[in-house]
Amino acid sequence: MLYKEAYFNHQRSLEQYTVLDRQNIQVQGMTVEIGDLYDPTKNELVFVKIGTPQKLGYVIDQSLNTLKIFQTGTTSQPTLNGVEVKPKKLCLWIVLQRSKTLNKISEIKSLIFLMKLNEWQKSCRNAGFESVLRVSYIQNNA
């Protein structure tokens, strides 16, 4: 069964992105998905989540876990077709299900999500990564 993120990621693979979704690495005996997409031209590692703001915290957690892996050097650099993934940017690409677009991110009505997003941006900056937030939309006609 094709899930929403798989279709979204596949569409990005038709652009400059390499799909990492469901490609796991081993870190200290645990299986970790390092990210969803990688843009080698921008050295940007992308984490994708589609849904409502209340369900988007997971993508922030995933990104923070990956940030810690790169920061602490607990594994060798992940590779794609023999090329090391060395991100300079970490990107959260969230796809919201809503009928109206946001004018600013603070319009999201989830305090927990906004707090996690703020902490993520600080963590990226402190670890030497540029943080990027992209927002796309799926029309919600309900």
Protein backbone atom coordinates (compact mmCIF):
# COMPACT_ATOMS: atom_id res chain seq x y z
CA MET A 1 0.00 0.00 0.00
CA LEU A 2 1.34 3.41 -0.96
CA TYR A 3 1.26 5.89 1.90
CA LYS A 4 1.11 9.68 1.51
CA GLU A 5 4.74 10.39 2.31
CA ALA A 6 5.92 7.71 -0.16
CA TYR A 7 4.03 9.35 -3.01
CA PHE A 8 5.25 12.82 -2.00
CA ASN A 9 8.85 11.60 -1.75
CA HIS A 10 8.62 9.83 -5.11
CA GLN A 11 7.45 13.08 -6.72
CA ARG A 12 10.50 14.85 -5.23
CA SER A 13 12.77 12.14 -6.69
CA LEU A 14 11.72 13.41 -10.11
CA GLU A 15 13.41 16.66 -9.10
CA GLN A 16 16.89 16.82 -7.54
CA TYR A 17 16.13 14.79 -4.39
CA THR A 18 17.33 11.33 -3.49
CA VAL A 19 14.77 9.31 -1.54
CA LEU A 20 16.03 8.00 1.81
CA ASP A 21 12.60 7.08 3.17
CA ARG A 22 12.63 3.58 4.69
CA GLN A 23 16.41 3.28 4.18
CA ASN A 24 17.65 2.56 7.68
CA ILE A 25 21.08 2.56 9.27
CA GLN A 26 22.27 0.80 12.41
CA VAL A 27 23.33 2.99 15.33
CA GLN A 28 24.45 1.26 18.52
CA GLY A 29 22.33 -1.78 17.72
CA MET A 30 19.21 0.23 16.89
CA THR A 31 17.61 0.78 13.48
CA VAL A 32 17.28 4.45 12.55
CA GLU A 33 15.74 6.13 9.53
CA ILE A 34 18.21 8.96 8.90
CA GLY A 35 15.79 11.13 6.86
CA ASP A 36 13.30 11.10 4.01
CA LEU A 37 15.02 13.03 1.22
CA TYR A 38 18.50 14.34 0.48
CA ASP A 39 19.42 17.15 -1.89
CA PRO A 40 23.13 16.75 -2.65
CA THR A 41 23.24 20.08 -4.52
CA LYS A 42 22.28 21.94 -1.32
CA ASN A 43 23.67 19.43 1.21
CA GLU A 44 20.18 19.40 2.65
CA LEU A 45 18.68 16.50 4.59
CA VAL A 46 14.88 16.63 4.52
CA PHE A 47 12.30 15.19 6.91
CA VAL A 48 8.76 14.97 5.52
CA LYS A 49 5.46 14.65 7.36
CA ILE A 50 1.93 15.02 6.05
CA GLY A 51 -0.94 15.69 8.43
CA THR A 52 -2.39 18.01 11.00
CA PRO A 53 -0.16 20.10 13.26
CA GLN A 54 -1.03 17.90 16.23
CA LYS A 55 0.56 14.92 14.46
CA LEU A 56 3.71 16.67 13.22
CA GLY A 57 5.81 16.38 16.38
CA TYR A 58 7.17 13.03 15.19
CA VAL A 59 9.05 14.61 12.29
CA ILE A 60 10.75 17.03 14.67
CA ASP A 61 11.77 14.14 16.93
CA GLN A 62 13.14 12.21 13.94
CA SER A 63 15.17 15.21 12.84
CA LEU A 64 16.53 15.80 16.35
CA ASN A 65 17.60 12.15 16.60
CA THR A 66 19.44 12.42 13.31
CA LEU A 67 21.02 15.69 14.40
CA LYS A 68 22.35 13.95 17.52
CA ILE A 69 23.79 11.12 15.40
CA PHE A 70 25.70 13.59 13.24
CA GLN A 71 26.69 15.73 16.21
CA THR A 72 28.04 12.92 18.37
CA GLY A 73 29.56 10.85 15.57
CA THR A 74 27.92 7.67 16.92
CA THR A 75 27.99 6.19 13.43
CA SER A 76 30.05 6.59 10.30
CA GLN A 77 28.68 9.01 7.73
CA PRO A 78 25.67 7.50 5.93
CA THR A 79 26.26 6.95 2.22
CA LEU A 80 24.11 7.07 -0.91
CA ASN A 81 25.50 5.18 -3.86
CA GLY A 82 28.93 5.38 -2.28
CA VAL A 83 28.75 9.14 -1.62
CA GLU A 84 28.75 10.34 1.99
CA VAL A 85 25.71 12.27 3.15
CA LYS A 86 27.14 15.40 4.75
CA PRO A 87 24.26 17.77 5.37
CA LYS A 88 24.80 21.43 6.13
CA LYS A 89 21.06 22.04 6.29
CA LEU A 90 18.28 20.15 8.05
CA CYS A 91 14.86 20.75 6.57
CA LEU A 92 11.42 20.01 7.95
CA TRP A 93 9.00 19.78 5.05
CA ILE A 94 5.52 19.66 6.47
CA VAL A 95 2.45 19.16 4.34
CA LEU A 96 -0.65 20.42 6.11
CA GLN A 97 -4.19 19.28 5.47
CA ARG A 98 -6.13 22.54 5.60
CA SER A 99 -8.34 24.72 3.46
CA LYS A 100 -6.38 27.99 3.92
CA THR A 101 -2.67 28.66 3.65
CA LEU A 102 -0.73 30.12 6.56
CA ASN A 103 0.54 33.68 6.50
CA LYS A 104 2.94 32.87 9.33
CA ILE A 105 3.87 29.68 11.16
CA SER A 106 2.48 31.01 14.45
CA GLU A 107 -1.02 30.59 12.97
CA ILE A 108 -0.69 26.86 13.63
CA LYS A 109 -2.91 26.21 16.62
CA SER A 110 -0.70 23.70 18.42
CA LEU A 111 1.39 25.10 21.22
CA ILE A 112 3.30 21.83 21.59
CA PHE A 113 4.22 21.80 17.89
CA LEU A 114 5.36 25.44 17.98
CA MET A 115 7.44 24.83 21.10
CA LYS A 116 9.05 21.75 19.53
CA LEU A 117 9.73 23.70 16.35
CA ASN A 118 11.44 26.46 18.33
CA GLU A 119 13.58 23.89 20.18
CA TRP A 120 14.46 22.20 16.87
CA GLN A 121 15.65 25.50 15.37
CA LYS A 122 17.83 26.19 18.42
CA SER A 123 19.27 22.66 18.32
CA CYS A 124 20.12 22.97 14.63
CA ARG A 125 21.84 26.30 15.18
CA ASN A 126 23.77 25.02 18.22
CA ALA A 127 24.95 21.97 16.25
CA GLY A 128 26.12 24.09 13.30
CA PHE A 129 23.29 23.21 10.90
CA GLU A 130 21.11 25.64 9.03
CA SER A 131 17.43 24.98 9.75
CA VAL A 132 14.94 25.16 6.90
CA LEU A 133 11.16 24.92 7.20
CA ARG A 134 9.02 24.28 4.13
CA VAL A 135 5.25 24.17 4.23
CA SER A 136 3.08 22.70 1.51
CA TYR A 137 -0.63 22.01 1.52
CA ILE A 138 -3.21 19.37 0.71
CA GLN A 139 -6.57 20.96 0.19
CA ASN A 140 -8.98 20.06 2.96
CA ASN A 141 -12.46 20.44 1.52
CA ALA A 142 -14.26 19.29 4.63
